[in-house]
N, C-alpha and C. Protein backbone atom coordinates (compact mmCIF):
# COMPACT_ATOMS: atom_id res chain seq x y z
N MET A 1 -35.39 -11.29 1.73
CA MET A 1 -34.24 -10.27 2.46
C MET A 1 -33.43 -10.85 3.06
N LYS A 2 -33.45 -12.13 3.86
CA LYS A 2 -32.51 -12.72 4.40
C LYS A 2 -31.11 -13.13 3.89
N LYS A 3 -31.57 -13.51 2.37
CA LYS A 3 -31.02 -13.90 1.41
C LYS A 3 -29.85 -12.97 0.64
N LEU A 4 -30.47 -11.87 0.43
CA LEU A 4 -29.84 -10.62 0.36
C LEU A 4 -28.71 -10.50 1.04
N ILE A 5 -29.07 -10.23 2.40
CA ILE A 5 -28.28 -9.98 3.64
C ILE A 5 -27.06 -10.78 3.55
N SER A 6 -27.14 -11.82 3.86
CA SER A 6 -26.33 -13.02 3.42
C SER A 6 -25.32 -12.69 2.30
N ILE A 7 -25.78 -12.55 1.18
CA ILE A 7 -24.92 -12.35 -0.10
C ILE A 7 -24.07 -11.07 0.21
N GLY A 8 -24.55 -10.09 0.69
CA GLY A 8 -23.94 -8.80 0.95
C GLY A 8 -22.82 -8.89 1.64
N LEU A 9 -23.07 -9.93 2.78
CA LEU A 9 -22.21 -10.20 3.56
C LEU A 9 -21.12 -10.65 3.09
N LEU A 10 -21.40 -11.82 2.58
CA LEU A 10 -20.63 -12.64 2.05
C LEU A 10 -19.34 -12.13 0.97
N PHE A 11 -20.01 -11.04 0.30
CA PHE A 11 -19.30 -10.07 -1.03
C PHE A 11 -18.33 -9.47 0.29
N CYS A 12 -18.79 -8.62 0.96
CA CYS A 12 -17.91 -7.60 1.85
C CYS A 12 -16.65 -8.31 2.59
N LEU A 13 -17.01 -10.08 3.01
CA LEU A 13 -16.07 -10.39 3.77
C LEU A 13 -14.85 -10.95 2.68
N THR A 14 -15.31 -11.42 1.64
CA THR A 14 -14.19 -12.15 0.53
C THR A 14 -13.89 -10.96 -0.29
N SER A 15 -14.08 -9.43 -0.38
CA SER A 15 -13.28 -8.42 -0.74
C SER A 15 -12.61 -8.10 -0.04
N CYS A 16 -12.74 -7.92 1.47
CA CYS A 16 -11.45 -7.50 2.06
C CYS A 16 -10.64 -8.58 2.38
N TYR A 17 -9.14 -7.93 2.31
CA TYR A 17 -7.86 -8.72 2.94
C TYR A 17 -7.18 -8.44 3.94
N ASN A 18 -6.72 -9.12 4.58
CA ASN A 18 -5.70 -8.92 5.75
C ASN A 18 -4.42 -8.85 5.09
N GLN A 19 -4.14 -7.59 5.28
CA GLN A 19 -2.75 -7.02 4.79
C GLN A 19 -1.37 -7.87 5.25
N GLU A 20 -1.73 -8.42 6.21
CA GLU A 20 -0.57 -9.11 6.97
C GLU A 20 -0.33 -10.55 6.80
N THR A 21 -1.44 -11.24 6.04
CA THR A 21 -1.31 -12.46 5.45
C THR A 21 -0.16 -12.46 4.24
N LEU A 22 0.62 -13.18 4.19
CA LEU A 22 1.29 -13.48 3.24
C LEU A 22 0.88 -14.19 2.04
N VAL A 23 1.18 -13.21 0.85
CA VAL A 23 0.38 -13.92 -0.44
C VAL A 23 1.27 -14.22 -1.54
N ASP A 24 1.00 -14.77 -2.37
CA ASP A 24 1.72 -15.24 -3.56
C ASP A 24 1.79 -14.09 -4.50
N LYS A 25 2.81 -13.42 -4.64
CA LYS A 25 3.22 -12.22 -5.38
C LYS A 25 2.94 -12.46 -6.86
N SER A 26 3.03 -13.58 -7.21
CA SER A 26 2.87 -13.62 -8.93
C SER A 26 1.39 -13.53 -9.25
N LYS A 27 0.47 -13.70 -8.36
CA LYS A 27 -0.96 -13.63 -8.53
C LYS A 27 -1.44 -12.20 -8.26
N LEU A 28 -0.66 -11.19 -7.93
CA LEU A 28 -1.19 -10.14 -7.55
C LEU A 28 -0.86 -9.16 -8.97
N MET A 29 -1.75 -7.87 -8.74
CA MET A 29 -1.99 -7.26 -9.84
C MET A 29 -0.86 -6.05 -9.72
N GLY A 30 -0.57 -5.21 -10.55
CA GLY A 30 0.75 -4.33 -10.29
C GLY A 30 0.55 -2.98 -9.31
N ASN A 31 -0.92 -3.04 -9.00
CA ASN A 31 -1.64 -1.80 -8.08
C ASN A 31 -1.83 -2.55 -6.56
N ASP A 32 -0.98 -3.41 -6.22
CA ASP A 32 -1.45 -3.84 -4.97
C ASP A 32 -0.21 -3.93 -3.99
N TYR A 33 -0.37 -2.85 -2.98
CA TYR A 33 0.68 -2.92 -2.17
C TYR A 33 1.16 -3.68 -1.08
N ARG A 34 0.57 -5.00 -1.72
CA ARG A 34 1.28 -6.08 -0.76
C ARG A 34 2.48 -6.49 -1.83
N LEU A 35 2.40 -6.16 -2.69
CA LEU A 35 3.65 -6.57 -3.42
C LEU A 35 5.13 -6.15 -2.87
N PHE A 36 4.78 -5.40 -1.52
CA PHE A 36 6.04 -4.80 -0.75
C PHE A 36 6.08 -5.60 0.34
N GLN A 37 5.41 -6.53 0.45
CA GLN A 37 5.49 -7.74 1.82
C GLN A 37 7.09 -8.25 1.74
N ASP A 38 7.44 -8.34 2.93
CA ASP A 38 8.63 -8.86 3.01
C ASP A 38 9.84 -8.00 2.59
N THR A 39 9.81 -6.88 2.23
CA THR A 39 10.55 -5.81 1.62
C THR A 39 11.05 -4.66 3.03
N PRO A 40 11.91 -4.30 2.79
CA PRO A 40 12.24 -2.70 3.78
C PRO A 40 11.23 -1.58 3.63
N ALA A 41 10.48 -1.99 2.44
CA ALA A 41 9.72 -0.72 2.31
C ALA A 41 7.90 -1.18 2.66
N TRP A 42 7.78 -2.21 3.43
CA TRP A 42 6.54 -2.47 3.72
C TRP A 42 5.42 -1.87 4.89
N VAL A 43 6.29 -1.51 5.84
CA VAL A 43 5.73 -0.55 6.69
C VAL A 43 5.39 0.97 5.96
N LEU A 44 6.13 1.26 5.16
CA LEU A 44 6.03 2.42 4.56
C LEU A 44 4.80 2.12 3.61
N ALA A 45 4.71 1.10 2.71
CA ALA A 45 3.70 0.75 2.01
C ALA A 45 2.33 0.90 2.66
N LYS A 46 2.11 0.30 3.65
CA LYS A 46 0.89 0.37 4.47
C LYS A 46 0.51 1.80 4.97
N ALA A 47 1.57 2.60 5.37
CA ALA A 47 1.52 4.11 5.84
C ALA A 47 1.28 4.70 4.19
N VAL A 48 1.67 4.48 3.13
CA VAL A 48 1.01 5.19 1.95
C VAL A 48 -0.60 4.85 1.59
N GLU A 49 -0.77 3.54 1.57
CA GLU A 49 -2.05 3.09 1.33
C GLU A 49 -2.95 3.72 2.40
N ALA A 50 -2.76 3.84 3.84
CA ALA A 50 -3.39 4.35 4.67
C ALA A 50 -3.68 5.86 4.72
N GLY A 51 -2.66 6.35 3.79
CA GLY A 51 -2.31 8.04 3.95
C GLY A 51 -2.17 8.60 5.14
N ASP A 52 -1.53 7.52 5.88
CA ASP A 52 -0.51 7.80 7.61
C ASP A 52 0.41 8.71 7.35
N VAL A 53 0.21 10.31 7.13
CA VAL A 53 1.26 11.05 6.97
C VAL A 53 2.39 10.95 8.27
N LYS A 54 1.96 10.50 9.36
CA LYS A 54 2.71 10.82 10.56
C LYS A 54 3.98 9.33 10.38
N LYS A 55 3.26 8.19 9.89
CA LYS A 55 3.92 7.15 9.67
C LYS A 55 4.71 7.10 8.69
N ILE A 56 4.56 7.85 7.66
CA ILE A 56 5.56 7.74 6.46
C ILE A 56 6.69 8.55 6.75
N LYS A 57 6.46 10.00 7.52
CA LYS A 57 7.47 10.67 7.98
C LYS A 57 8.35 9.58 8.91
N GLU A 58 7.65 8.85 9.59
CA GLU A 58 8.45 8.52 10.51
C GLU A 58 9.53 7.34 9.52
N GLU A 59 8.85 6.53 8.58
CA GLU A 59 9.62 5.28 8.11
C GLU A 59 10.71 6.20 7.21
N VAL A 60 10.69 7.45 6.60
CA VAL A 60 11.32 8.10 5.76
C VAL A 60 12.71 8.77 6.59
N PHE A 61 12.30 9.61 7.72
CA PHE A 61 13.21 10.13 8.36
C PHE A 61 13.94 9.41 9.47
N GLN A 62 13.08 8.68 10.20
CA GLN A 62 13.64 7.66 11.17
C GLN A 62 14.21 6.79 10.83
N LYS A 63 13.71 5.97 9.91
CA LYS A 63 14.29 4.43 9.82
C LYS A 63 14.85 4.17 8.26
N LYS A 64 15.06 5.65 7.79
CA LYS A 64 15.64 5.96 6.69
C LYS A 64 15.14 4.92 5.34
N VAL A 65 13.78 4.83 5.10
CA VAL A 65 13.18 4.07 3.77
C VAL A 65 13.09 4.97 2.89
N SER A 66 13.64 4.24 1.62
CA SER A 66 13.25 5.47 0.68
C SER A 66 12.23 5.36 -0.08
N VAL A 67 11.64 6.39 -0.55
CA VAL A 67 10.26 6.68 -1.16
C VAL A 67 10.25 6.02 -2.53
N ASP A 68 11.40 6.03 -2.91
CA ASP A 68 11.62 5.23 -4.26
C ASP A 68 12.13 3.94 -4.43
N TYR A 69 11.93 3.34 -3.34
CA TYR A 69 12.10 1.67 -3.05
C TYR A 69 11.20 1.23 -4.34
N GLN A 70 11.88 0.10 -4.97
CA GLN A 70 10.94 -0.72 -6.09
C GLN A 70 10.52 -1.84 -5.81
N GLU A 71 8.98 -2.28 -5.92
CA GLU A 71 9.04 -3.90 -6.05
C GLU A 71 9.30 -4.44 -6.64
N SER A 72 9.54 -5.93 -6.70
CA SER A 72 10.77 -6.91 -7.82
C SER A 72 9.86 -6.87 -9.17
N ARG A 73 8.31 -7.42 -8.57
CA ARG A 73 7.94 -7.93 -9.87
C ARG A 73 7.55 -6.97 -11.07
N PHE A 74 6.95 -5.72 -10.59
CA PHE A 74 6.45 -4.82 -11.65
C PHE A 74 7.62 -3.77 -11.84
N GLY A 75 8.17 -3.37 -10.75
CA GLY A 75 9.51 -2.33 -10.65
C GLY A 75 8.56 -0.96 -10.18
N ASN A 76 7.57 -1.02 -9.61
CA ASN A 76 6.85 -0.02 -9.34
C ASN A 76 7.25 0.68 -7.83
N THR A 77 6.96 1.65 -7.63
CA THR A 77 7.61 2.55 -6.28
C THR A 77 6.26 2.73 -5.89
N LEU A 78 6.37 3.24 -4.73
CA LEU A 78 5.04 3.67 -3.65
C LEU A 78 4.39 4.72 -4.31
N LEU A 79 5.08 5.57 -4.61
CA LEU A 79 4.30 7.10 -5.15
C LEU A 79 3.38 6.08 -6.42
N MET A 80 4.36 5.43 -7.61
CA MET A 80 3.68 4.97 -8.58
C MET A 80 2.05 4.37 -8.21
N LEU A 81 2.32 3.32 -7.02
CA LEU A 81 1.01 2.48 -6.69
C LEU A 81 0.25 3.48 -6.05
N ALA A 82 0.25 4.86 -5.18
CA ALA A 82 -0.60 5.89 -4.70
C ALA A 82 -1.25 6.42 -5.90
N ILE A 83 -0.48 6.73 -7.06
CA ILE A 83 -0.99 7.24 -8.36
C ILE A 83 -1.93 6.45 -8.68
N PHE A 84 -1.69 5.36 -9.32
CA PHE A 84 -2.32 4.18 -9.85
C PHE A 84 -3.46 3.88 -9.23
N ASN A 85 -3.46 4.01 -7.79
CA ASN A 85 -4.87 3.69 -6.99
C ASN A 85 -5.80 4.90 -6.80
N SER A 86 -5.18 6.14 -7.20
CA SER A 86 -5.71 7.25 -7.40
C SER A 86 -5.88 8.29 -5.74
N GLU A 87 -4.77 7.66 -5.06
CA GLU A 87 -4.63 8.22 -3.88
C GLU A 87 -3.64 9.32 -3.73
N TYR A 88 -4.28 10.51 -4.42
CA TYR A 88 -3.50 11.39 -4.52
C TYR A 88 -2.99 12.29 -3.28
N ASP A 89 -3.56 12.52 -2.37
CA ASP A 89 -3.22 13.27 -0.96
C ASP A 89 -1.83 12.36 -0.66
N SER A 90 -1.95 11.29 -0.44
CA SER A 90 -0.95 10.36 -0.14
C SER A 90 0.18 10.17 -1.33
N ALA A 91 -0.11 10.40 -2.52
CA ALA A 91 1.43 10.75 -3.35
C ALA A 91 1.37 12.08 -3.03
N LYS A 92 0.94 13.09 -2.65
CA LYS A 92 1.44 14.61 -2.70
C LYS A 92 2.21 14.15 -1.50
N ASN A 93 1.95 13.94 -0.13
CA ASN A 93 2.50 13.87 0.80
C ASN A 93 4.01 12.88 0.69
N THR A 94 3.83 11.81 0.06
CA THR A 94 4.96 11.25 -0.21
C THR A 94 5.87 11.77 -1.06
N ILE A 95 5.58 12.75 -1.92
CA ILE A 95 6.44 13.60 -2.72
C ILE A 95 7.36 14.83 -1.73
N ARG A 96 6.45 15.28 -1.00
CA ARG A 96 6.89 16.49 -0.27
C ARG A 96 7.61 15.77 0.75
N ILE A 97 7.49 14.80 1.57
CA ILE A 97 8.32 13.97 2.28
C ILE A 97 9.36 13.70 2.03
N GLY A 98 9.46 12.77 0.57
CA GLY A 98 10.46 12.55 -0.14
C GLY A 98 11.78 13.58 -0.41
N ARG A 99 11.16 14.61 -0.95
CA ARG A 99 11.80 15.93 -1.22
C ARG A 99 12.75 16.39 -0.01
N LYS A 100 12.40 16.34 1.62
CA LYS A 100 12.99 16.93 2.56
C LYS A 100 14.01 15.70 2.95
N ALA A 101 13.56 14.18 2.76
CA ALA A 101 14.81 13.25 3.14
C ALA A 101 16.25 13.54 2.60
């Protein structure tokens, strides 16, 4: 039983990642929000991933970050990533907010 708990804890710790740790983008898959690290859309990317509508609005309207910003490796936008990752509420909100901008 102790072994099973240890394996579960190890799996949990290795499957979680810290968004703020800089990554080698060449090793990321096309559906990873960390592709937007070190870009003007990084804060917006984290808000889209979290489904934080208030933060999405702030980034788009106050800071003028485009919802159509494309990451350089695959050319995906945040809307595309939200759809790829089945985050449909976040995608709907991003579309709605983007139309008003």
